[in-house]
């Protein structure tokens, strides 16, 4: 049985021999790819035609990858915008002037990042935002004397201590005179630090009483939330 596309066979063969891809011929002549594959089975392309076809395929792959990257980036941007909107919605329901809420947030952060030993209240981090919140929350809630807050830097061998002191002083809003020491990691000698890495800043305060309060507050809060879920589960089971 003669295919209904048979009258287009010569035109398809001519395009193929000129180096056209299956996709191009399929789109231009509206012939199924399965039919074209059968027609082209014995078509021999010259080296130049093969190179031309390969070049088209590579360019097509590059274009497809570029489109895929753009699509994925757009999807990621939508997800980020959604997360920002959801976070803002939650913050709109919180009174940031309520010191109990801020103290609870500080306690949860301290449970995760703060010092737990008897050396006293303290926290080390490479993220200025976390340490700036830590310092400001302490000053606002407990009315500490800013001069009692001391900072130490842990740097890599290729980092300039004075420049990093100035960086952290500016970031945290703490006077440079509050920086009492710098420790250099000798293991990093000969290696290059990332430009965005500014070392680890350790913020200390001598108040063990505040340390103890924050740890108990965080632990009791976690236990209370767990208990609420347990009670809720028991209630559902009884019904």
Protein backbone atom coordinates (compact mmCIF):
# COMPACT_ATOMS: atom_id res chain seq x y z
CA UNK A 1 0.00 0.00 0.00
CA UNK A 2 1.40 3.38 -1.03
CA UNK A 3 1.72 5.88 1.80
CA UNK A 4 -0.46 8.97 1.51
CA UNK A 5 2.74 10.98 1.91
CA UNK A 6 4.51 9.15 -0.94
CA UNK A 7 4.22 12.11 -3.32
CA UNK A 8 6.32 14.10 -0.86
CA UNK A 9 9.05 11.46 -0.62
CA UNK A 10 11.37 13.05 -3.19
CA UNK A 11 11.06 16.45 -1.56
CA UNK A 12 11.89 14.85 1.80
CA UNK A 13 14.91 12.99 0.37
CA UNK A 14 16.17 16.19 -1.25
CA UNK A 15 15.96 18.03 2.08
CA UNK A 16 17.68 15.17 3.90
CA UNK A 17 20.52 15.01 1.38
CA UNK A 18 20.94 18.77 1.81
CA UNK A 19 21.60 18.14 5.52
CA UNK A 20 18.16 18.86 6.98
CA UNK A 21 17.30 17.16 10.29
CA UNK A 22 14.36 14.81 10.83
CA UNK A 23 12.65 17.44 12.97
CA UNK A 24 13.01 20.12 10.27
CA UNK A 25 11.60 17.86 7.55
CA UNK A 26 8.83 16.60 9.82
CA UNK A 27 7.76 20.16 10.58
CA UNK A 28 8.03 21.53 7.04
CA UNK A 29 6.33 18.65 5.16
CA UNK A 30 4.04 17.39 7.96
CA UNK A 31 5.24 13.80 7.52
CA UNK A 32 5.44 11.48 10.55
CA UNK A 33 8.94 10.80 11.81
CA UNK A 34 8.42 7.05 11.59
CA UNK A 35 7.75 7.35 7.84
CA UNK A 36 10.78 9.60 7.35
CA UNK A 37 13.03 7.19 9.24
CA UNK A 38 12.06 4.41 6.83
CA UNK A 39 12.69 6.57 3.78
CA UNK A 40 16.06 7.78 5.04
CA UNK A 41 17.37 4.39 6.14
CA UNK A 42 19.64 4.02 3.11
CA UNK A 43 20.41 7.69 2.55
CA UNK A 44 24.16 8.29 2.72
CA UNK A 45 25.22 11.79 3.71
CA UNK A 46 28.52 13.32 2.74
CA UNK A 47 30.97 14.25 5.53
CA UNK A 48 30.05 17.93 5.06
CA UNK A 49 26.34 17.14 5.30
CA UNK A 50 26.92 15.04 8.40
CA UNK A 51 28.89 17.86 10.01
CA UNK A 52 26.15 20.34 9.10
CA UNK A 53 23.53 18.07 10.65
CA UNK A 54 25.63 17.55 13.80
CA UNK A 55 26.13 21.30 14.11
CA UNK A 56 22.35 21.83 13.97
CA UNK A 57 21.81 19.16 16.59
CA UNK A 58 24.37 20.71 18.93
CA UNK A 59 22.89 24.18 18.48
CA UNK A 60 19.44 22.73 19.14
CA UNK A 61 20.68 21.11 22.36
CA UNK A 62 22.31 24.36 23.46
CA UNK A 63 19.10 26.28 22.80
CA UNK A 64 17.05 23.67 24.65
CA UNK A 65 19.40 23.83 27.64
CA UNK A 66 19.25 27.62 27.67
CA UNK A 67 15.45 27.53 27.62
CA UNK A 68 15.45 24.91 30.39
CA UNK A 69 17.73 27.06 32.58
CA UNK A 70 15.52 30.10 32.02
CA UNK A 71 12.40 28.07 32.86
CA UNK A 72 13.94 26.63 36.04
CA UNK A 73 15.20 30.06 37.12
CA UNK A 74 11.74 31.55 36.61
CA UNK A 75 10.19 28.73 38.63
CA UNK A 76 12.73 29.28 41.40
CA UNK A 77 12.02 33.02 41.38
CA UNK A 78 8.28 32.33 41.75
CA UNK A 79 8.96 30.01 44.69
CA UNK A 80 11.21 32.61 46.35
CA UNK A 81 8.59 35.33 45.90
CA UNK A 82 5.95 33.03 47.36
CA UNK A 83 8.17 32.28 50.37
CA UNK A 84 8.78 36.01 50.92
CA UNK A 85 5.05 36.71 50.76
CA UNK A 86 4.23 33.91 53.20
CA UNK A 87 6.94 35.07 55.62
CA UNK A 88 5.66 38.65 55.47
CA UNK A 89 2.14 37.42 56.16
CA UNK A 90 3.30 35.67 59.33
CA UNK A 91 5.33 38.70 60.47
CA UNK A 92 2.28 40.93 60.01
CA UNK A 93 0.58 38.88 62.73
CA UNK A 94 3.43 39.36 65.22
CA UNK A 95 3.96 42.34 67.48
CA UNK A 96 7.71 42.89 67.24
CA UNK A 97 7.47 45.29 70.18
CA UNK A 98 6.41 42.39 72.40
CA UNK A 99 9.62 41.61 74.26
CA UNK A 100 8.39 38.14 75.24
CA UNK A 101 8.20 37.15 71.56
CA UNK A 102 11.65 38.55 70.84
CA UNK A 103 13.07 36.84 73.92
CA UNK A 104 11.57 33.53 72.83
CA UNK A 105 13.10 33.92 69.36
CA UNK A 106 16.44 34.71 71.01
CA UNK A 107 16.14 31.64 73.23
CA UNK A 108 15.45 29.30 70.30
CA UNK A 109 18.40 30.77 68.41
CA UNK A 110 20.60 30.40 71.48
CA UNK A 111 19.60 26.77 71.97
CA UNK A 112 20.88 26.08 68.46
CA UNK A 113 23.89 28.41 68.15
CA UNK A 114 24.86 29.63 71.62
CA UNK A 115 27.54 28.43 74.03
CA UNK A 116 26.25 25.86 76.54
CA UNK A 117 29.31 25.62 78.82
CA UNK A 118 30.13 27.60 81.95
CA UNK A 119 32.21 30.15 80.03
CA UNK A 120 29.05 32.25 80.00
CA UNK A 121 26.74 33.79 77.47
CA UNK A 122 28.16 33.73 73.96
CA UNK A 123 27.69 32.81 70.32
CA UNK A 124 29.95 32.40 67.30
CA UNK A 125 28.86 32.66 63.68
CA UNK A 126 29.97 33.72 60.22
CA UNK A 127 26.63 35.37 59.45
CA UNK A 128 26.49 39.02 60.59
CA UNK A 129 22.67 39.02 60.58
CA UNK A 130 22.49 36.30 63.24
CA UNK A 131 25.01 38.00 65.51
CA UNK A 132 23.44 41.42 65.00
CA UNK A 133 20.07 40.03 66.11
CA UNK A 134 21.77 38.34 69.07
CA UNK A 135 23.41 41.58 70.21
CA UNK A 136 20.40 43.83 69.64
CA UNK A 137 18.02 41.42 71.36
CA UNK A 138 20.33 41.23 74.39
CA UNK A 139 20.64 45.01 74.60
CA UNK A 140 16.90 45.64 74.15
CA UNK A 141 15.61 42.93 76.50
CA UNK A 142 18.18 42.88 79.29
CA UNK A 143 19.47 46.47 79.03
CA UNK A 144 23.07 45.30 79.07
CA UNK A 145 25.96 47.70 78.96
CA UNK A 146 27.30 47.55 75.41
CA UNK A 147 30.85 47.83 76.74
CA UNK A 148 30.43 44.43 78.41
CA UNK A 149 29.93 42.76 75.03
CA UNK A 150 33.28 41.50 73.74
CA UNK A 151 34.09 40.09 70.32
CA UNK A 152 36.80 37.75 69.06
CA UNK A 153 37.61 36.86 65.47
CA UNK A 154 38.64 33.47 64.07
CA UNK A 155 40.25 34.07 60.69
CA UNK A 156 42.07 32.26 57.93
CA UNK A 157 45.77 32.88 57.38
CA UNK A 158 45.34 35.11 54.32
CA UNK A 159 42.85 37.49 55.98
CA UNK A 160 43.83 40.92 57.32
CA UNK A 161 42.89 41.08 61.05
CA UNK A 162 42.50 44.86 61.16
CA UNK A 163 40.35 44.95 58.03
CA UNK A 164 38.13 42.18 59.38
CA UNK A 165 37.79 43.90 62.74
CA UNK A 166 36.52 46.97 60.91
CA UNK A 167 34.15 44.84 58.83
CA UNK A 168 32.58 43.15 61.85
CA UNK A 169 32.49 46.38 63.83
CA UNK A 170 30.53 48.03 61.02
CA UNK A 171 28.24 45.05 60.54
CA UNK A 172 27.37 44.59 64.21
CA UNK A 173 27.32 48.23 65.25
CA UNK A 174 29.83 47.48 67.99
CA UNK A 175 32.83 49.70 68.68
CA UNK A 176 36.14 48.35 67.40
CA UNK A 177 37.51 48.68 70.93
CA UNK A 178 35.16 45.82 71.90
CA UNK A 179 37.21 43.42 69.75
CA UNK A 180 39.65 41.85 72.14
CA UNK A 181 41.37 39.13 70.17
CA UNK A 182 42.07 37.46 66.83
CA UNK A 183 42.83 33.79 66.28
CA UNK A 184 44.44 32.63 63.02
CA UNK A 185 43.86 29.11 61.75
CA UNK A 186 47.38 27.94 60.91
CA UNK A 187 45.99 25.02 58.92
CA UNK A 188 44.87 27.48 56.23
CA UNK A 189 48.36 28.79 55.43
CA UNK A 190 48.90 28.68 51.67
CA UNK A 191 45.20 28.47 50.75
CA UNK A 192 42.98 31.28 49.45
CA UNK A 193 39.77 32.33 51.19
CA UNK A 194 36.56 33.04 49.34
CA UNK A 195 36.04 36.77 48.84
CA UNK A 196 32.65 36.55 50.59
CA UNK A 197 34.03 34.81 53.69
CA UNK A 198 34.84 37.17 56.56
CA UNK A 199 35.76 34.67 59.21
CA UNK A 200 33.86 33.73 62.36
CA UNK A 201 33.01 36.33 64.96
CA UNK A 202 32.49 35.22 68.56
CA UNK A 203 30.33 37.50 70.71
CA UNK A 204 30.65 37.04 74.47
CA UNK A 205 28.96 38.42 77.57
CA UNK A 206 29.76 37.30 81.11
CA UNK A 207 26.15 36.79 82.23
CA UNK A 208 25.63 33.13 83.08
CA UNK A 209 22.18 34.01 84.48
CA UNK A 210 20.92 35.13 81.06
CA UNK A 211 22.50 32.09 79.42
CA UNK A 212 20.71 29.78 81.85
CA UNK A 213 17.38 31.58 81.37
CA UNK A 214 17.56 31.41 77.57
CA UNK A 215 18.38 27.69 77.55
CA UNK A 216 15.54 26.82 79.94
CA UNK A 217 13.10 29.06 78.07
CA UNK A 218 13.92 27.39 74.76
CA UNK A 219 13.75 23.87 76.17
CA UNK A 220 10.49 24.46 78.06
CA UNK A 221 8.93 26.03 74.95
CA UNK A 222 9.91 23.04 72.80
CA UNK A 223 8.55 20.63 75.39
CA UNK A 224 5.29 22.59 75.66
CA UNK A 225 4.74 22.49 71.88
CA UNK A 226 5.46 18.75 71.84
CA UNK A 227 2.98 18.24 74.70
CA UNK A 228 0.27 20.15 72.81
CA UNK A 229 0.65 17.80 69.85
CA UNK A 230 0.59 14.76 72.13
CA UNK A 231 -2.63 15.94 73.80
CA UNK A 232 -4.16 16.67 70.40
CA UNK A 233 -3.29 13.17 69.17
CA UNK A 234 -4.85 11.57 72.24
CA UNK A 235 -8.00 13.64 71.71
CA UNK A 236 -8.36 12.50 68.10
CA UNK A 237 -7.79 8.87 69.08
CA UNK A 238 -10.54 8.99 71.73
CA UNK A 239 -13.06 10.11 69.11
